[in-house]
Amino acid sequence: MNYGGYRIDGLFQSAEEIANHADQSFVSNRISAGGGLQPGDVKYMDLDGDGYVGEGENTVNDSGDREIIGNSAPQYLYSFTASAEWKGFDISAFFQGVGKQDWYPNSDSRIFWGTL
């Protein structure tokens, strides 16, 4: 499964830059509701050039300003075993893991992380 997200173009530097930027109230609604964008807030890119940073029709062909930023499939699976023996004593260890996998927390993540 691919993960989609918005590309960031740095931080707003001035009120004038905010006024001349595409409307990003969809992706920063908490900031907008809390008094509006201010210098230092995150600036999202308007990739489709429609003057509005959003999700488009939310389909494969029209994902608005989102782009693929990751994939949940494991990339590098590994495992290895190490063992040693000396004068009747032996020891062994088994290691396994995933070298790279993008992950995005969702509502089921609390099962893994527990509740706070």
PDB file of N, CA and C in Angstrom:
ATOM      1  N   MET A   1       0.845  -1.176   0.000  1.00  0.00           N
ATOM      2  CA  MET A   1       0.000   0.000   0.000  1.00  0.00           C
ATOM      3  C   MET A   1       0.889   1.238   0.000  1.00  0.00           C
ATOM      4  N   ASN A   2       0.614   2.151  -0.903  1.00  0.00           N
ATOM      5  CA  ASN A   2       1.354   3.406  -0.966  1.00  0.00           C
ATOM      6  C   ASN A   2       0.738   4.424  -0.021  1.00  0.00           C
ATOM      7  N   TYR A   3       1.592   5.256   0.572  1.00  0.00           N
ATOM      8  CA  TYR A   3       1.139   6.362   1.405  1.00  0.00           C
ATOM      9  C   TYR A   3       1.274   7.647   0.610  1.00  0.00           C
ATOM     10  N   GLY A   4       0.245   8.476   0.656  1.00  0.00           N
ATOM     11  CA  GLY A   4       0.292   9.767  -0.011  1.00  0.00           C
ATOM     12  C   GLY A   4       0.369  10.878   1.007  1.00  0.00           C
ATOM     13  N   GLY A   5       1.033  11.956   0.634  1.00  0.00           N
ATOM     14  CA  GLY A   5       1.149  13.086   1.541  1.00  0.00           C
ATOM     15  C   GLY A   5       1.412  14.367   0.787  1.00  0.00           C
ATOM     16  N   TYR A   6       1.436  15.448   1.498  1.00  0.00           N
ATOM     17  CA  TYR A   6       1.653  16.767   0.910  1.00  0.00           C
ATOM     18  C   TYR A   6       3.127  17.144   1.010  1.00  0.00           C
ATOM     19  N   ARG A   7       3.633  17.768  -0.049  1.00  0.00           N
ATOM     20  CA  ARG A   7       5.022  18.206  -0.061  1.00  0.00           C
ATOM     21  C   ARG A   7       5.116  19.569   0.624  1.00  0.00           C
ATOM     22  N   ILE A   8       6.123  19.721   1.453  1.00  0.00           N
ATOM     23  CA  ILE A   8       6.324  20.965   2.194  1.00  0.00           C
ATOM     24  C   ILE A   8       7.383  21.807   1.496  1.00  0.00           C
ATOM     25  N   ASP A   9       7.121  23.109   1.418  1.00  0.00           N
ATOM     26  CA  ASP A   9       8.028  24.045   0.769  1.00  0.00           C
ATOM     27  C   ASP A   9       8.617  25.005   1.801  1.00  0.00           C
ATOM     28  N   GLY A  10       8.969  24.476   2.964  1.00  0.00           N
ATOM     29  CA  GLY A  10       9.573  25.305   3.993  1.00  0.00           C
ATOM     30  C   GLY A  10       8.540  25.911   4.923  1.00  0.00           C
ATOM     31  N   LEU A  11       8.902  27.046   5.506  1.00  0.00           N
ATOM     32  CA  LEU A  11       8.038  27.751   6.444  1.00  0.00           C
ATOM     33  C   LEU A  11       7.737  29.139   5.901  1.00  0.00           C
ATOM     34  N   PHE A  12       6.554  29.635   6.234  1.00  0.00           N
ATOM     35  CA  PHE A  12       6.218  30.999   5.835  1.00  0.00           C
ATOM     36  C   PHE A  12       7.151  31.966   6.546  1.00  0.00           C
ATOM     37  N   GLN A  13       7.636  32.959   5.795  1.00  0.00           N
ATOM     38  CA  GLN A  13       8.568  33.940   6.338  1.00  0.00           C
ATOM     39  C   GLN A  13       7.911  35.269   6.688  1.00  0.00           C
ATOM     40  N   SER A  14       6.773  35.577   6.062  1.00  0.00           N
ATOM     41  CA  SER A  14       6.142  36.869   6.310  1.00  0.00           C
ATOM     42  C   SER A  14       4.642  36.772   6.052  1.00  0.00           C
ATOM     43  N   ALA A  15       3.908  37.770   6.547  1.00  0.00           N
ATOM     44  CA  ALA A  15       2.466  37.833   6.313  1.00  0.00           C
ATOM     45  C   ALA A  15       2.178  38.019   4.826  1.00  0.00           C
ATOM     46  N   GLU A  16       3.042  38.736   4.123  1.00  0.00           N
ATOM     47  CA  GLU A  16       2.869  38.942   2.687  1.00  0.00           C
ATOM     48  C   GLU A  16       2.977  37.613   1.926  1.00  0.00           C
ATOM     49  N   GLU A  17       3.911  36.773   2.327  1.00  0.00           N
ATOM     50  CA  GLU A  17       4.060  35.464   1.695  1.00  0.00           C
ATOM     51  C   GLU A  17       2.813  34.601   1.922  1.00  0.00           C
ATOM     52  N   ILE A  18       2.227  34.678   3.106  1.00  0.00           N
ATOM     53  CA  ILE A  18       1.001  33.942   3.410  1.00  0.00           C
ATOM     54  C   ILE A  18      -0.134  34.432   2.514  1.00  0.00           C
ATOM     55  N   ALA A  19      -0.260  35.749   2.366  1.00  0.00           N
ATOM     56  CA  ALA A  19      -1.332  36.335   1.557  1.00  0.00           C
ATOM     57  C   ALA A  19      -1.208  35.959   0.090  1.00  0.00           C
ATOM     58  N   ASN A  20       0.016  35.767  -0.402  1.00  0.00           N
ATOM     59  CA  ASN A  20       0.227  35.453  -1.825  1.00  0.00           C
ATOM     60  C   ASN A  20       0.290  33.959  -2.105  1.00  0.00           C
ATOM     61  N   HIS A  21       0.110  33.128  -1.100  1.00  0.00           N
ATOM     62  CA  HIS A  21       0.213  31.674  -1.255  1.00  0.00           C
ATOM     63  C   HIS A  21      -1.168  31.068  -1.505  1.00  0.00           C
ATOM     64  N   ALA A  22      -1.187  29.873  -2.068  1.00  0.00           N
ATOM     65  CA  ALA A  22      -2.439  29.143  -2.279  1.00  0.00           C
ATOM     66  C   ALA A  22      -3.147  28.909  -0.951  1.00  0.00           C
ATOM     67  N   ASP A  23      -4.465  28.837  -0.996  1.00  0.00           N
ATOM     68  CA  ASP A  23      -5.271  28.567   0.202  1.00  0.00           C
ATOM     69  C   ASP A  23      -4.953  27.165   0.704  1.00  0.00           C
ATOM     70  N   GLN A  24      -4.461  27.056   1.928  1.00  0.00           N
ATOM     71  CA  GLN A  24      -4.140  25.741   2.477  1.00  0.00           C
ATOM     72  C   GLN A  24      -4.953  25.457   3.736  1.00  0.00           C
ATOM     73  N   SER A  25      -6.147  26.031   3.833  1.00  0.00           N
ATOM     74  CA  SER A  25      -6.994  25.824   5.009  1.00  0.00           C
ATOM     75  C   SER A  25      -7.422  24.367   5.149  1.00  0.00           C
ATOM     76  N   PHE A  26      -7.491  23.623   4.043  1.00  0.00           N
ATOM     77  CA  PHE A  26      -7.876  22.210   4.117  1.00  0.00           C
ATOM     78  C   PHE A  26      -6.853  21.386   4.877  1.00  0.00           C
ATOM     79  N   VAL A  27      -5.568  21.626   4.647  1.00  0.00           N
ATOM     80  CA  VAL A  27      -4.522  20.818   5.283  1.00  0.00           C
ATOM     81  C   VAL A  27      -4.033  21.408   6.604  1.00  0.00           C
ATOM     82  N   SER A  28      -4.373  22.629   6.883  1.00  0.00           N
ATOM     83  CA  SER A  28      -3.942  23.233   8.152  1.00  0.00           C
ATOM     84  C   SER A  28      -5.146  23.854   8.863  1.00  0.00           C
ATOM     85  N   ASN A  29      -6.249  23.104   8.942  1.00  0.00           N
ATOM     86  CA  ASN A  29      -7.480  23.652   9.514  1.00  0.00           C
ATOM     87  C   ASN A  29      -7.337  23.990  10.994  1.00  0.00           C
ATOM     88  N   ARG A  30      -6.522  23.254  11.753  1.00  0.00           N
ATOM     89  CA  ARG A  30      -6.337  23.589  13.174  1.00  0.00           C
ATOM     90  C   ARG A  30      -5.627  24.928  13.326  1.00  0.00           C
ATOM     91  N   ILE A  31      -4.652  25.175  12.462  1.00  0.00           N
ATOM     92  CA  ILE A  31      -3.941  26.458  12.507  1.00  0.00           C
ATOM     93  C   ILE A  31      -4.890  27.581  12.099  1.00  0.00           C
ATOM     94  N   SER A  32      -5.638  27.357  11.027  1.00  0.00           N
ATOM     95  CA  SER A  32      -6.567  28.376  10.543  1.00  0.00           C
ATOM     96  C   SER A  32      -7.622  28.691  11.586  1.00  0.00           C
ATOM     97  N   ALA A  33      -8.129  27.669  12.290  1.00  0.00           N
ATOM     98  CA  ALA A  33      -9.150  27.870  13.314  1.00  0.00           C
ATOM     99  C   ALA A  33      -8.572  28.571  14.548  1.00  0.00           C
ATOM    100  N   GLY A  34      -7.277  28.465  14.751  1.00  0.00           N
ATOM    101  CA  GLY A  34      -6.642  29.059  15.930  1.00  0.00           C
ATOM    102  C   GLY A  34      -6.094  30.448  15.698  1.00  0.00           C
ATOM    103  N   GLY A  35      -6.603  31.174  14.739  1.00  0.00           N
ATOM    104  CA  GLY A  35      -6.155  32.545  14.521  1.00  0.00           C
ATOM    105  C   GLY A  35      -5.502  32.765  13.168  1.00  0.00           C
ATOM    106  N   GLY A  36      -5.418  31.747  12.373  1.00  0.00           N
ATOM    107  CA  GLY A  36      -4.870  31.898  11.032  1.00  0.00           C
ATOM    108  C   GLY A  36      -3.392  31.590  10.948  1.00  0.00           C
ATOM    109  N   LEU A  37      -2.908  31.483   9.724  1.00  0.00           N
ATOM    110  CA  LEU A  37      -1.502  31.202   9.489  1.00  0.00           C
ATOM    111  C   LEU A  37      -0.645  32.375   9.929  1.00  0.00           C
ATOM    112  N   GLN A  38       0.523  32.058  10.448  1.00  0.00           N
ATOM    113  CA  GLN A  38       1.471  33.065  10.916  1.00  0.00           C
ATOM    114  C   GLN A  38       2.843  32.744  10.327  1.00  0.00           C
ATOM    115  N   PRO A  39       3.730  33.724  10.243  1.00  0.00           N
ATOM    116  CA  PRO A  39       5.100  33.406   9.834  1.00  0.00           C
ATOM    117  C   PRO A  39       5.681  32.326  10.753  1.00  0.00           C
ATOM    118  N   GLY A  40       6.317  31.337  10.150  1.00  0.00           N
ATOM    119  CA  GLY A  40       6.856  30.205  10.896  1.00  0.00           C
ATOM    120  C   GLY A  40       6.015  28.951  10.748  1.00  0.00           C
ATOM    121  N   ASP A  41       4.777  29.080  10.235  1.00  0.00           N
ATOM    122  CA  ASP A  41       3.932  27.909   9.993  1.00  0.00           C
ATOM    123  C   ASP A  41       4.389  27.201   8.723  1.00  0.00           C
ATOM    124  N   VAL A  42       4.041  25.926   8.628  1.00  0.00           N
ATOM    125  CA  VAL A  42       4.438  25.101   7.489  1.00  0.00           C
ATOM    126  C   VAL A  42       3.728  25.566   6.217  1.00  0.00           C
ATOM    127  N   LYS A  43       4.488  25.617   5.114  1.00  0.00           N
ATOM    128  CA  LYS A  43       3.958  26.029   3.816  1.00  0.00           C
ATOM    129  C   LYS A  43       3.872  24.792   2.912  1.00  0.00           C
ATOM    130  N   TYR A  44       2.651  24.368   2.576  1.00  0.00           N
ATOM    131  CA  TYR A  44       2.447  23.214   1.704  1.00  0.00           C
ATOM    132  C   TYR A  44       2.416  23.668   0.252  1.00  0.00           C
ATOM    133  N   MET A  45       2.912  22.813  -0.641  1.00  0.00           N
ATOM    134  CA  MET A  45       2.994  23.150  -2.063  1.00  0.00           C
ATOM    135  C   MET A  45       1.677  22.872  -2.768  1.00  0.00           C
ATOM    136  N   ASP A  46       1.313  23.754  -3.677  1.00  0.00           N
ATOM    137  CA  ASP A  46       0.137  23.587  -4.543  1.00  0.00           C
ATOM    138  C   ASP A  46       0.621  22.918  -5.822  1.00  0.00           C
ATOM    139  N   LEU A  47       0.697  21.577  -5.829  1.00  0.00           N
ATOM    140  CA  LEU A  47       1.291  20.844  -6.945  1.00  0.00           C
ATOM    141  C   LEU A  47       0.447  20.884  -8.207  1.00  0.00           C
ATOM    142  N   ASP A  48      -0.886  20.938  -8.075  1.00  0.00           N
ATOM    143  CA  ASP A  48      -1.722  20.949  -9.279  1.00  0.00           C
ATOM    144  C   ASP A  48      -2.043  22.353  -9.772  1.00  0.00           C
ATOM    145  N   GLY A  49      -1.585  23.375  -9.063  1.00  0.00           N
ATOM    146  CA  GLY A  49      -1.700  24.750  -9.527  1.00  0.00           C
ATOM    147  C   GLY A  49      -3.100  25.337  -9.521  1.00  0.00           C
ATOM    148  N   ASP A  50      -4.020  24.768  -8.738  1.00  0.00           N
ATOM    149  CA  ASP A  50      -5.396  25.287  -8.729  1.00  0.00           C
ATOM    150  C   ASP A  50      -5.632  26.377  -7.678  1.00  0.00           C
ATOM    151  N   GLY A  51      -4.595  26.781  -6.956  1.00  0.00           N
ATOM    152  CA  GLY A  51      -4.729  27.829  -5.945  1.00  0.00           C
ATOM    153  C   GLY A  51      -5.273  27.342  -4.623  1.00  0.00           C
ATOM    154  N   TYR A  52      -5.408  26.033  -4.477  1.00  0.00           N
ATOM    155  CA  TYR A  52      -5.967  25.427  -3.266  1.00  0.00           C
ATOM    156  C   TYR A  52      -5.193  24.157  -2.963  1.00  0.00           C
ATOM    157  N   VAL A  53      -4.669  24.024  -1.757  1.00  0.00           N
ATOM    158  CA  VAL A  53      -3.937  22.827  -1.360  1.00  0.00           C
ATOM    159  C   VAL A  53      -4.959  21.858  -0.754  1.00  0.00           C
ATOM    160  N   GLY A  54      -5.216  20.765  -1.478  1.00  0.00           N
ATOM    161  CA  GLY A  54      -6.239  19.825  -1.022  1.00  0.00           C
ATOM    162  C   GLY A  54      -6.078  18.461  -1.659  1.00  0.00           C
ATOM    163  N   GLU A  55      -7.103  17.636  -1.494  1.00  0.00           N
ATOM    164  CA  GLU A  55      -7.041  16.241  -1.936  1.00  0.00           C
ATOM    165  C   GLU A  55      -7.675  15.999  -3.300  1.00  0.00           C
ATOM    166  N   GLY A  56      -8.093  17.024  -4.005  1.00  0.00           N
ATOM    167  CA  GLY A  56      -8.723  16.843  -5.312  1.00  0.00           C
ATOM    168  C   GLY A  56      -9.985  16.010  -5.182  1.00  0.00           C
ATOM    169  N   GLU A  57     -10.176  15.079  -6.113  1.00  0.00           N
ATOM    170  CA  GLU A  57     -11.328  14.172  -6.066  1.00  0.00           C
ATOM    171  C   GLU A  57     -11.042  12.957  -5.194  1.00  0.00           C
ATOM    172  N   ASN A  58      -9.846  12.880  -4.635  1.00  0.00           N
ATOM    173  CA  ASN A  58      -9.422  11.768  -3.774  1.00  0.00           C
ATOM    174  C   ASN A  58      -9.499  10.432  -4.512  1.00  0.00           C
ATOM    175  N   THR A  59      -9.064  10.436  -5.772  1.00  0.00           N
ATOM    176  CA  THR A  59      -9.007   9.215  -6.580  1.00  0.00           C
ATOM    177  C   THR A  59      -7.573   9.016  -7.060  1.00  0.00           C
ATOM    178  N   VAL A  60      -7.320   7.862  -7.672  1.00  0.00           N
ATOM    179  CA  VAL A  60      -5.980   7.586  -8.208  1.00  0.00           C
ATOM    180  C   VAL A  60      -5.606   8.609  -9.274  1.00  0.00           C
ATOM    181  N   ASN A  61      -6.554   8.964 -10.133  1.00  0.00           N
ATOM    182  CA  ASN A  61      -6.264   9.905 -11.216  1.00  0.00           C
ATOM    183  C   ASN A  61      -6.269  11.364 -10.774  1.00  0.00           C
ATOM    184  N   ASP A  62      -6.910  11.672  -9.655  1.00  0.00           N
ATOM    185  CA  ASP A  62      -6.952  13.046  -9.156  1.00  0.00           C
ATOM    186  C   ASP A  62      -6.752  13.033  -7.644  1.00  0.00           C
ATOM    187  N   SER A  63      -5.491  13.003  -7.249  1.00  0.00           N
ATOM    188  CA  SER A  63      -5.171  13.011  -5.808  1.00  0.00           C
ATOM    189  C   SER A  63      -4.840  14.411  -5.327  1.00  0.00           C
ATOM    190  N   GLY A  64      -5.196  15.405  -6.108  1.00  0.00           N
ATOM    191  CA  GLY A  64      -4.970  16.797  -5.713  1.00  0.00           C
ATOM    192  C   GLY A  64      -3.496  17.112  -5.593  1.00  0.00           C
ATOM    193  N   ASP A  65      -3.115  17.611  -4.442  1.00  0.00           N
ATOM    194  CA  ASP A  65      -1.733  18.023  -4.208  1.00  0.00           C
ATOM    195  C   ASP A  65      -0.918  16.981  -3.461  1.00  0.00           C
ATOM    196  N   ARG A  66      -1.475  15.794  -3.293  1.00  0.00           N
ATOM    197  CA  ARG A  66      -0.742  14.723  -2.618  1.00  0.00           C
ATOM    198  C   ARG A  66       0.105  13.957  -3.627  1.00  0.00           C
ATOM    199  N   GLU A  67       1.202  13.414  -3.137  1.00  0.00           N
ATOM    200  CA  GLU A  67       2.059  12.559  -3.943  1.00  0.00           C
ATOM    201  C   GLU A  67       2.474  11.363  -3.106  1.00  0.00           C
ATOM    202  N   ILE A  68       2.983  10.335  -3.748  1.00  0.00           N
ATOM    203  CA  ILE A  68       3.402   9.139  -3.027  1.00  0.00           C
ATOM    204  C   ILE A  68       4.659   9.453  -2.228  1.00  0.00           C
ATOM    205  N   ILE A  69       4.587   9.203  -0.913  1.00  0.00           N
ATOM    206  CA  ILE A  69       5.731   9.495  -0.043  1.00  0.00           C
ATOM    207  C   ILE A  69       6.255   8.253   0.660  1.00  0.00           C
ATOM    208  N   GLY A  70       5.630   7.098   0.437  1.00  0.00           N
ATOM    209  CA  GLY A  70       6.107   5.879   1.091  1.00  0.00           C
ATOM    210  C   GLY A  70       5.294   4.670   0.679  1.00  0.00           C
ATOM    211  N   ASN A  71       5.727   3.517   1.179  1.00  0.00           N
ATOM    212  CA  ASN A  71       5.080   2.255   0.863  1.00  0.00           C
ATOM    213  C   ASN A  71       5.156   1.365   2.096  1.00  0.00           C
ATOM    214  N   SER A  72       4.034   0.743   2.453  1.00  0.00           N
ATOM    215  CA  SER A  72       3.989  -0.048   3.675  1.00  0.00           C
ATOM    216  C   SER A  72       4.594  -1.447   3.523  1.00  0.00           C
ATOM    217  N   ALA A  73       4.940  -1.852   2.310  1.00  0.00           N
ATOM    218  CA  ALA A  73       5.530  -3.182   2.106  1.00  0.00           C
ATOM    219  C   ALA A  73       6.965  -3.211   2.640  1.00  0.00           C
ATOM    220  N   PRO A  74       7.338  -4.254   3.384  1.00  0.00           N
ATOM    221  CA  PRO A  74       8.715  -4.354   3.874  1.00  0.00           C
ATOM    222  C   PRO A  74       9.701  -4.435   2.703  1.00  0.00           C
ATOM    223  N   GLN A  75      10.802  -3.708   2.797  1.00  0.00           N
ATOM    224  CA  GLN A  75      11.777  -3.668   1.706  1.00  0.00           C
ATOM    225  C   GLN A  75      12.898  -4.689   1.887  1.00  0.00           C
ATOM    226  N   TYR A  76      13.453  -4.800   3.077  1.00  0.00           N
ATOM    227  CA  TYR A  76      14.606  -5.668   3.328  1.00  0.00           C
ATOM    228  C   TYR A  76      14.332  -6.553   4.540  1.00  0.00           C
ATOM    229  N   LEU A  77      13.946  -7.772   4.296  1.00  0.00           N
ATOM    230  CA  LEU A  77      13.745  -8.737   5.374  1.00  0.00           C
ATOM    231  C   LEU A  77      15.053  -9.469   5.595  1.00  0.00           C
ATOM    232  N   TYR A  78      15.429  -9.700   6.847  1.00  0.00           N
ATOM    233  CA  TYR A  78      16.692 -10.394   7.113  1.00  0.00           C
ATOM    234  C   TYR A  78      16.553 -11.292   8.335  1.00  0.00           C
ATOM    235  N   SER A  79      17.423 -12.269   8.399  1.00  0.00           N
ATOM    236  CA  SER A  79      17.547 -13.115   9.583  1.00  0.00           C
ATOM    237  C   SER A  79      18.922 -13.759   9.564  1.00  0.00           C
ATOM    238  N   PHE A  80      19.460 -14.025  10.740  1.00  0.00           N
ATOM    239  CA  PHE A  80      20.719 -14.756  10.818  1.00  0.00           C
ATOM    240  C   PHE A  80      20.825 -15.446  12.177  1.00  0.00           C
ATOM    241  N   THR A  81      21.601 -16.494  12.182  1.00  0.00           N
ATOM    242  CA  THR A  81      21.821 -17.290  13.384  1.00  0.00           C
ATOM    243  C   THR A  81      23.312 -17.303  13.684  1.00  0.00           C
ATOM    244  N   ALA A  82      23.640 -17.185  14.950  1.00  0.00           N
ATOM    245  CA  ALA A  82      25.035 -17.279  15.388  1.00  0.00           C
ATOM    246  C   ALA A  82      25.100 -18.311  16.515  1.00  0.00           C
ATOM    247  N   SER A  83      26.118 -19.140  16.476  1.00  0.00           N
ATOM    248  CA  SER A  83      26.267 -20.122  17.547  1.00  0.00           C
ATOM    249  C   SER A  83      27.745 -20.365  17.805  1.00  0.00           C
ATOM    250  N   ALA A  84      28.023 -20.799  19.026  1.00  0.00           N
ATOM    251  CA  ALA A  84      29.399 -21.121  19.412  1.00  0.00           C
ATOM    252  C   ALA A  84      29.359 -22.281  20.403  1.00  0.00           C
ATOM    253  N   GLU A  85      30.427 -23.071  20.375  1.00  0.00           N
ATOM    254  CA  GLU A  85      30.525 -24.218  21.286  1.00  0.00           C
ATOM    255  C   GLU A  85      31.965 -24.315  21.773  1.00  0.00           C
ATOM    256  N   TRP A  86      32.131 -24.567  23.092  1.00  0.00           N
ATOM    257  CA  TRP A  86      33.476 -24.679  23.661  1.00  0.00           C
ATOM    258  C   TRP A  86      33.408 -25.546  24.913  1.00  0.00           C
ATOM    259  N   LYS A  87      34.150 -26.620  24.935  1.00  0.00           N
ATOM    260  CA  LYS A  87      34.285 -27.531  26.070  1.00  0.00           C
ATOM    261  C   LYS A  87      32.933 -27.925  26.689  1.00  0.00           C
ATOM    262  N   GLY A  88      32.004 -28.292  25.850  1.00  0.00           N
ATOM    263  CA  GLY A  88      30.707 -28.765  26.331  1.00  0.00           C
ATOM    264  C   GLY A  88      29.692 -27.659  26.607  1.00  0.00           C
ATOM    265  N   PHE A  89      30.090 -26.422  26.435  1.00  0.00           N
ATOM    266  CA  PHE A  89      29.155 -25.310  26.593  1.00  0.00           C
ATOM    267  C   PHE A  89      28.807 -24.802  25.203  1.00  0.00           C
ATOM    268  N   ASP A  90      27.554 -24.491  25.003  1.00  0.00           N
ATOM    269  CA  ASP A  90      27.184 -23.909  23.717  1.00  0.00           C
ATOM    270  C   ASP A  90      26.183 -22.776  23.925  1.00  0.00           C
ATOM    271  N   ILE A  91      26.168 -21.924  22.952  1.00  0.00           N
ATOM    272  CA  ILE A  91      25.259 -20.778  22.978  1.00  0.00           C
ATOM    273  C   ILE A  91      24.843 -20.502  21.548  1.00  0.00           C
ATOM    274  N   SER A  92      23.615 -20.061  21.364  1.00  0.00           N
ATOM    275  CA  SER A  92      23.153 -19.700  20.031  1.00  0.00           C
ATOM    276  C   SER A  92      22.191 -18.520  20.141  1.00  0.00           C
ATOM    277  N   ALA A  93      22.107 -17.763  19.060  1.00  0.00           N
ATOM    278  CA  ALA A  93      21.213 -16.603  19.004  1.00  0.00           C
ATOM    279  C   ALA A  93      20.633 -16.516  17.604  1.00  0.00           C
ATOM    280  N   PHE A  94      19.395 -16.078  17.534  1.00  0.00           N
ATOM    281  CA  PHE A  94      18.704 -15.906  16.261  1.00  0.00           C
ATOM    282  C   PHE A  94      18.184 -14.475  16.189  1.00  0.00           C
ATOM    283  N   PHE A  95      18.465 -13.788  15.097  1.00  0.00           N
ATOM    284  CA  PHE A  95      18.034 -12.410  14.901  1.00  0.00           C
ATOM    285  C   PHE A  95      17.240 -12.316  13.613  1.00  0.00           C
ATOM    286  N   GLN A  96      16.171 -11.523  13.643  1.00  0.00           N
ATOM    287  CA  GLN A  96      15.406 -11.283  12.424  1.00  0.00           C
ATOM    288  C   GLN A  96      14.798  -9.893  12.487  1.00  0.00           C
ATOM    289  N   GLY A  97      14.479  -9.348  11.329  1.00  0.00           N
ATOM    290  CA  GLY A  97      13.883  -8.023  11.332  1.00  0.00           C
ATOM    291  C   GLY A  97      13.587  -7.517   9.938  1.00  0.00           C
ATOM    292  N   VAL A  98      13.219  -6.256   9.895  1.00  0.00           N
ATOM    293  CA  VAL A  98      12.906  -5.566   8.654  1.00  0.00           C
ATOM    294  C   VAL A  98      13.830  -4.365   8.560  1.00  0.00           C
ATOM    295  N   GLY A  99      14.551  -4.258   7.447  1.00  0.00           N
ATOM    296  CA  GLY A  99      15.500  -3.163   7.269  1.00  0.00           C
ATOM    297  C   GLY A  99      14.857  -1.850   6.905  1.00  0.00           C
ATOM    298  N   LYS A 100      13.714  -1.863   6.201  1.00  0.00           N
ATOM    299  CA  LYS A 100      13.045  -0.620   5.826  1.00  0.00           C
ATOM    300  C   LYS A 100      11.580  -0.908   5.561  1.00  0.00           C
ATOM    301  N   GLN A 101      10.732  -0.139   6.242  1.00  0.00           N
ATOM    302  CA  GLN A 101       9.303  -0.201   5.997  1.00  0.00           C
ATOM    303  C   GLN A 101       8.710   1.119   6.447  1.00  0.00           C
ATOM    304  N   ASP A 102       7.990   1.788   5.567  1.00  0.00           N
ATOM    305  CA  ASP A 102       7.331   3.032   5.937  1.00  0.00           C
ATOM    306  C   ASP A 102       6.090   2.685   6.753  1.00  0.00           C
ATOM    307  N   TRP A 103       5.806   3.499   7.765  1.00  0.00           N
ATOM    308  CA  TRP A 103       4.687   3.218   8.647  1.00  0.00           C
ATOM    309  C   TRP A 103       3.970   4.513   8.979  1.00  0.00           C
ATOM    310  N   TYR A 104       2.656   4.451   8.975  1.00  0.00           N
ATOM    311  CA  TYR A 104       1.849   5.604   9.355  1.00  0.00           C
ATOM    312  C   TYR A 104       0.892   5.176  10.452  1.00  0.00           C
ATOM    313  N   PRO A 105       0.900   5.852  11.598  1.00  0.00           N
ATOM    314  CA  PRO A 105       0.004   5.441  12.690  1.00  0.00           C
ATOM    315  C   PRO A 105      -1.456   5.681  12.322  1.00  0.00           C
ATOM    316  N   ASN A 106      -2.307   4.723  12.666  1.00  0.00           N
ATOM    317  CA  ASN A 106      -3.738   4.882  12.438  1.00  0.00           C
ATOM    318  C   ASN A 106      -4.486   4.494  13.702  1.00  0.00           C
ATOM    319  N   SER A 107      -5.790   4.369  13.628  1.00  0.00           N
ATOM    320  CA  SER A 107      -6.594   4.099  14.823  1.00  0.00           C
ATOM    321  C   SER A 107      -6.281   2.738  15.445  1.00  0.00           C
ATOM    322  N   ASP A 108      -5.798   1.772  14.668  1.00  0.00           N
ATOM    323  CA  ASP A 108      -5.451   0.466  15.219  1.00  0.00           C
ATOM    324  C   ASP A 108      -4.062   0.434  15.850  1.00  0.00           C
ATOM    325  N   SER A 109      -3.303   1.502  15.740  1.00  0.00           N
ATOM    326  CA  SER A 109      -1.948   1.539  16.296  1.00  0.00           C
ATOM    327  C   SER A 109      -1.949   1.438  17.812  1.00  0.00           C
ATOM    328  N   ARG A 110      -3.033   1.851  18.451  1.00  0.00           N
ATOM    329  CA  ARG A 110      -3.100   1.801  19.910  1.00  0.00           C
ATOM    330  C   ARG A 110      -2.980   0.371  20.418  1.00  0.00           C
ATOM    331  N   ILE A 111      -3.341  -0.617  19.591  1.00  0.00           N
ATOM    332  CA  ILE A 111      -3.206  -2.008  19.986  1.00  0.00           C
ATOM    333  C   ILE A 111      -1.725  -2.345  20.196  1.00  0.00           C
ATOM    334  N   PHE A 112      -0.874  -1.818  19.319  1.00  0.00           N
ATOM    335  CA  PHE A 112       0.558  -2.057  19.427  1.00  0.00           C
ATOM    336  C   PHE A 112       1.196  -1.198  20.514  1.00  0.00           C
ATOM    337  N   TRP A 113       0.895   0.114  20.512  1.00  0.00           N
ATOM    338  CA  TRP A 113       1.561   1.055  21.401  1.00  0.00           C
ATOM    339  C   TRP A 113       0.914   1.139  22.779  1.00  0.00           C
ATOM    340  N   GLY A 114      -0.320   0.696  22.896  1.00  0.00           N
ATOM    341  CA  GLY A 114      -1.029   0.815  24.174  1.00  0.00           C
ATOM    342  C   GLY A 114      -1.671   2.173  24.308  1.00  0.00           C
ATOM    343  N   THR A 115      -2.491   2.328  25.304  1.00  0.00           N
ATOM    344  CA  THR A 115      -3.167   3.613  25.510  1.00  0.00           C
ATOM    345  C   THR A 115      -2.392   4.433  26.520  1.00  0.00           C
ATOM    346  N   LEU A 116      -2.505   5.741  26.393  1.00  0.00           N
ATOM    347  CA  LEU A 116      -1.824   6.661  27.319  1.00  0.00           C
ATOM    348  C   LEU A 116      -2.810   7.251  28.287  1.00  0.00           C
TER     349      LEU A 116
END
